[in-house]
């Protein structure tokens, strides 16, 4: 399995999916940018690219990952944490060798994007 969703993250995602319409899936991936060169992308999507996308069902949630992103995110765990200030998703990527303070930008040993200012 490329990606792990904790029980907390799964519950939050399922709750959020209730307000979506159509055949919606969770899409997780990376894009260039951010303080460290790469940023995570997490959202809902109805589109699929049969050649490039891998679809896995994780805890009852259809998750789409671009095959190009797999080497960068393999082994990643997505969690959802709630505290007095609110809640949010946290991403633990074992391939990241550097990440910025905001937690959404990172760099791997093999993949370095163009850093931006945070």
C-alpha atoms as a PDB file:
ATOM      1  CA  UNK A   1       0.000   0.000   0.000  1.00  0.00           C
ATOM      2  CA  UNK A   2       1.405   3.370  -1.030  1.00  0.00           C
ATOM      3  CA  UNK A   3      -0.477   5.434   1.528  1.00  0.00           C
ATOM      4  CA  UNK A   4      -1.926   4.956   5.016  1.00  0.00           C
ATOM      5  CA  UNK A   5      -4.897   6.868   6.393  1.00  0.00           C
ATOM      6  CA  UNK A   6      -5.306   6.788  10.161  1.00  0.00           C
ATOM      7  CA  UNK A   7      -8.743   6.107  11.600  1.00  0.00           C
ATOM      8  CA  UNK A   8      -9.034   9.779  12.558  1.00  0.00           C
ATOM      9  CA  UNK A   9      -8.166  10.937   9.024  1.00  0.00           C
ATOM     10  CA  UNK A  10     -10.544   8.406   7.484  1.00  0.00           C
ATOM     11  CA  UNK A  11     -13.449   9.567   9.651  1.00  0.00           C
ATOM     12  CA  UNK A  12     -12.793  13.222   8.768  1.00  0.00           C
ATOM     13  CA  UNK A  13     -12.475  12.492   5.040  1.00  0.00           C
ATOM     14  CA  UNK A  14     -15.694  10.443   5.010  1.00  0.00           C
ATOM     15  CA  UNK A  15     -17.490  13.294   6.772  1.00  0.00           C
ATOM     16  CA  UNK A  16     -16.168  15.795   4.221  1.00  0.00           C
ATOM     17  CA  UNK A  17     -17.133  13.504   1.320  1.00  0.00           C
ATOM     18  CA  UNK A  18     -20.789  13.681   2.398  1.00  0.00           C
ATOM     19  CA  UNK A  19     -20.995  17.253   1.114  1.00  0.00           C
ATOM     20  CA  UNK A  20     -19.504  16.338  -2.287  1.00  0.00           C
ATOM     21  CA  UNK A  21     -21.613  15.286  -5.271  1.00  0.00           C
ATOM     22  CA  UNK A  22     -20.930  12.717  -7.964  1.00  0.00           C
ATOM     23  CA  UNK A  23     -18.370   9.921  -8.030  1.00  0.00           C
ATOM     24  CA  UNK A  24     -15.825  11.701  -5.863  1.00  0.00           C
ATOM     25  CA  UNK A  25     -12.450  10.293  -4.814  1.00  0.00           C
ATOM     26  CA  UNK A  26      -9.701  11.569  -2.582  1.00  0.00           C
ATOM     27  CA  UNK A  27      -6.658  12.632  -4.618  1.00  0.00           C
ATOM     28  CA  UNK A  28      -3.274  12.852  -2.926  1.00  0.00           C
ATOM     29  CA  UNK A  29      -0.042  13.862  -4.597  1.00  0.00           C
ATOM     30  CA  UNK A  30       2.748  16.372  -4.889  1.00  0.00           C
ATOM     31  CA  UNK A  31       3.413  19.452  -6.964  1.00  0.00           C
ATOM     32  CA  UNK A  32       6.379  21.749  -7.388  1.00  0.00           C
ATOM     33  CA  UNK A  33       6.625  24.771  -5.121  1.00  0.00           C
ATOM     34  CA  UNK A  34       6.682  25.687  -1.464  1.00  0.00           C
ATOM     35  CA  UNK A  35       9.581  26.651   0.788  1.00  0.00           C
ATOM     36  CA  UNK A  36      11.380  23.335   0.384  1.00  0.00           C
ATOM     37  CA  UNK A  37      10.644  22.713  -3.289  1.00  0.00           C
ATOM     38  CA  UNK A  38       7.636  20.347  -3.242  1.00  0.00           C
ATOM     39  CA  UNK A  39       4.144  20.694  -1.770  1.00  0.00           C
ATOM     40  CA  UNK A  40       1.443  18.176  -0.976  1.00  0.00           C
ATOM     41  CA  UNK A  41      -1.839  18.209  -2.836  1.00  0.00           C
ATOM     42  CA  UNK A  42      -4.898  16.792  -1.055  1.00  0.00           C
ATOM     43  CA  UNK A  43      -8.451  17.202  -2.268  1.00  0.00           C
ATOM     44  CA  UNK A  44     -11.451  15.625  -3.941  1.00  0.00           C
ATOM     45  CA  UNK A  45     -11.535  14.766  -7.629  1.00  0.00           C
ATOM     46  CA  UNK A  46     -13.945  13.123 -10.065  1.00  0.00           C
ATOM     47  CA  UNK A  47     -11.490  12.872 -12.951  1.00  0.00           C
ATOM     48  CA  UNK A  48      -9.210   9.901 -13.624  1.00  0.00           C
ATOM     49  CA  UNK A  49      -6.329   9.402 -16.022  1.00  0.00           C
ATOM     50  CA  UNK A  50      -6.394   5.662 -16.760  1.00  0.00           C
ATOM     51  CA  UNK A  51      -2.737   5.634 -17.801  1.00  0.00           C
ATOM     52  CA  UNK A  52      -1.265   7.690 -14.956  1.00  0.00           C
ATOM     53  CA  UNK A  53      -3.555   7.206 -11.952  1.00  0.00           C
ATOM     54  CA  UNK A  54      -3.547   4.437  -9.396  1.00  0.00           C
ATOM     55  CA  UNK A  55      -6.794   3.993  -7.445  1.00  0.00           C
ATOM     56  CA  UNK A  56      -6.647   2.223  -4.090  1.00  0.00           C
ATOM     57  CA  UNK A  57      -9.427   1.783  -1.569  1.00  0.00           C
ATOM     58  CA  UNK A  58      -8.145   2.689   1.884  1.00  0.00           C
ATOM     59  CA  UNK A  59     -10.485   2.317   4.862  1.00  0.00           C
ATOM     60  CA  UNK A  60     -13.458   2.437   2.498  1.00  0.00           C
ATOM     61  CA  UNK A  61     -12.235   5.598   0.750  1.00  0.00           C
ATOM     62  CA  UNK A  62     -11.295   5.569  -2.949  1.00  0.00           C
ATOM     63  CA  UNK A  63      -7.880   7.253  -3.137  1.00  0.00           C
ATOM     64  CA  UNK A  64      -6.250   8.399  -6.391  1.00  0.00           C
ATOM     65  CA  UNK A  65      -2.481   8.773  -6.649  1.00  0.00           C
ATOM     66  CA  UNK A  66      -0.525   9.614  -9.781  1.00  0.00           C
ATOM     67  CA  UNK A  67       1.914   6.804 -10.590  1.00  0.00           C
ATOM     68  CA  UNK A  68       4.554   9.515 -11.080  1.00  0.00           C
ATOM     69  CA  UNK A  69       4.196  10.555  -7.408  1.00  0.00           C
ATOM     70  CA  UNK A  70       4.497   7.063  -5.910  1.00  0.00           C
ATOM     71  CA  UNK A  71       8.298   7.092  -5.427  1.00  0.00           C
ATOM     72  CA  UNK A  72       8.019  10.437  -3.615  1.00  0.00           C
ATOM     73  CA  UNK A  73       5.122   9.566  -1.285  1.00  0.00           C
ATOM     74  CA  UNK A  74       5.380   5.803  -0.802  1.00  0.00           C
ATOM     75  CA  UNK A  75       4.951   4.925   2.871  1.00  0.00           C
ATOM     76  CA  UNK A  76       3.275   8.226   3.765  1.00  0.00           C
ATOM     77  CA  UNK A  77       0.720   8.376   6.584  1.00  0.00           C
ATOM     78  CA  UNK A  78      -2.038  10.980   6.678  1.00  0.00           C
ATOM     79  CA  UNK A  79      -3.533  11.746  10.085  1.00  0.00           C
ATOM     80  CA  UNK A  80      -6.150  14.194  11.324  1.00  0.00           C
ATOM     81  CA  UNK A  81      -5.555  15.940  14.627  1.00  0.00           C
ATOM     82  CA  UNK A  82      -8.074  17.960  16.592  1.00  0.00           C
ATOM     83  CA  UNK A  83      -7.090  20.431  19.302  1.00  0.00           C
ATOM     84  CA  UNK A  84      -8.503  23.543  20.980  1.00  0.00           C
ATOM     85  CA  UNK A  85      -7.420  25.685  18.026  1.00  0.00           C
ATOM     86  CA  UNK A  86      -9.255  23.494  15.506  1.00  0.00           C
ATOM     87  CA  UNK A  87      -8.238  20.533  13.430  1.00  0.00           C
ATOM     88  CA  UNK A  88      -6.120  19.697  10.460  1.00  0.00           C
ATOM     89  CA  UNK A  89      -4.450  16.981   8.466  1.00  0.00           C
ATOM     90  CA  UNK A  90      -0.839  16.085   9.148  1.00  0.00           C
ATOM     91  CA  UNK A  91       1.363  14.224   6.695  1.00  0.00           C
ATOM     92  CA  UNK A  92       4.244  11.977   7.717  1.00  0.00           C
ATOM     93  CA  UNK A  93       6.360  11.161   4.666  1.00  0.00           C
ATOM     94  CA  UNK A  94       9.367   8.898   5.368  1.00  0.00           C
ATOM     95  CA  UNK A  95      10.937  10.036   2.068  1.00  0.00           C
ATOM     96  CA  UNK A  96      11.084  13.700   3.090  1.00  0.00           C
ATOM     97  CA  UNK A  97      14.564  14.781   4.179  1.00  0.00           C
ATOM     98  CA  UNK A  98      13.610  18.422   4.732  1.00  0.00           C
ATOM     99  CA  UNK A  99      10.338  20.163   5.438  1.00  0.00           C
ATOM    100  CA  UNK A 100       9.417  23.719   6.279  1.00  0.00           C
ATOM    101  CA  UNK A 101       7.710  24.979   9.417  1.00  0.00           C
ATOM    102  CA  UNK A 102       4.256  25.058   7.827  1.00  0.00           C
ATOM    103  CA  UNK A 103       4.451  21.297   7.233  1.00  0.00           C
ATOM    104  CA  UNK A 104       3.086  21.335   3.691  1.00  0.00           C
ATOM    105  CA  UNK A 105       6.372  21.785   1.857  1.00  0.00           C
ATOM    106  CA  UNK A 106       9.157  19.218   1.688  1.00  0.00           C
ATOM    107  CA  UNK A 107      12.137  17.852  -0.216  1.00  0.00           C
ATOM    108  CA  UNK A 108      13.295  14.287  -0.854  1.00  0.00           C
ATOM    109  CA  UNK A 109      16.811  13.070  -1.554  1.00  0.00           C
ATOM    110  CA  UNK A 110      15.942  12.296  -5.182  1.00  0.00           C
ATOM    111  CA  UNK A 111      13.457  15.064  -5.942  1.00  0.00           C
ATOM    112  CA  UNK A 112      14.180  18.715  -5.428  1.00  0.00           C
ATOM    113  CA  UNK A 113      11.758  21.317  -6.737  1.00  0.00           C
ATOM    114  CA  UNK A 114      12.280  25.052  -6.987  1.00  0.00           C
ATOM    115  CA  UNK A 115      11.893  26.577  -3.486  1.00  0.00           C
ATOM    116  CA  UNK A 116       9.606  29.553  -2.930  1.00  0.00           C
ATOM    117  CA  UNK A 117       9.382  31.926  -0.001  1.00  0.00           C
ATOM    118  CA  UNK A 118       6.970  30.869   2.795  1.00  0.00           C
END
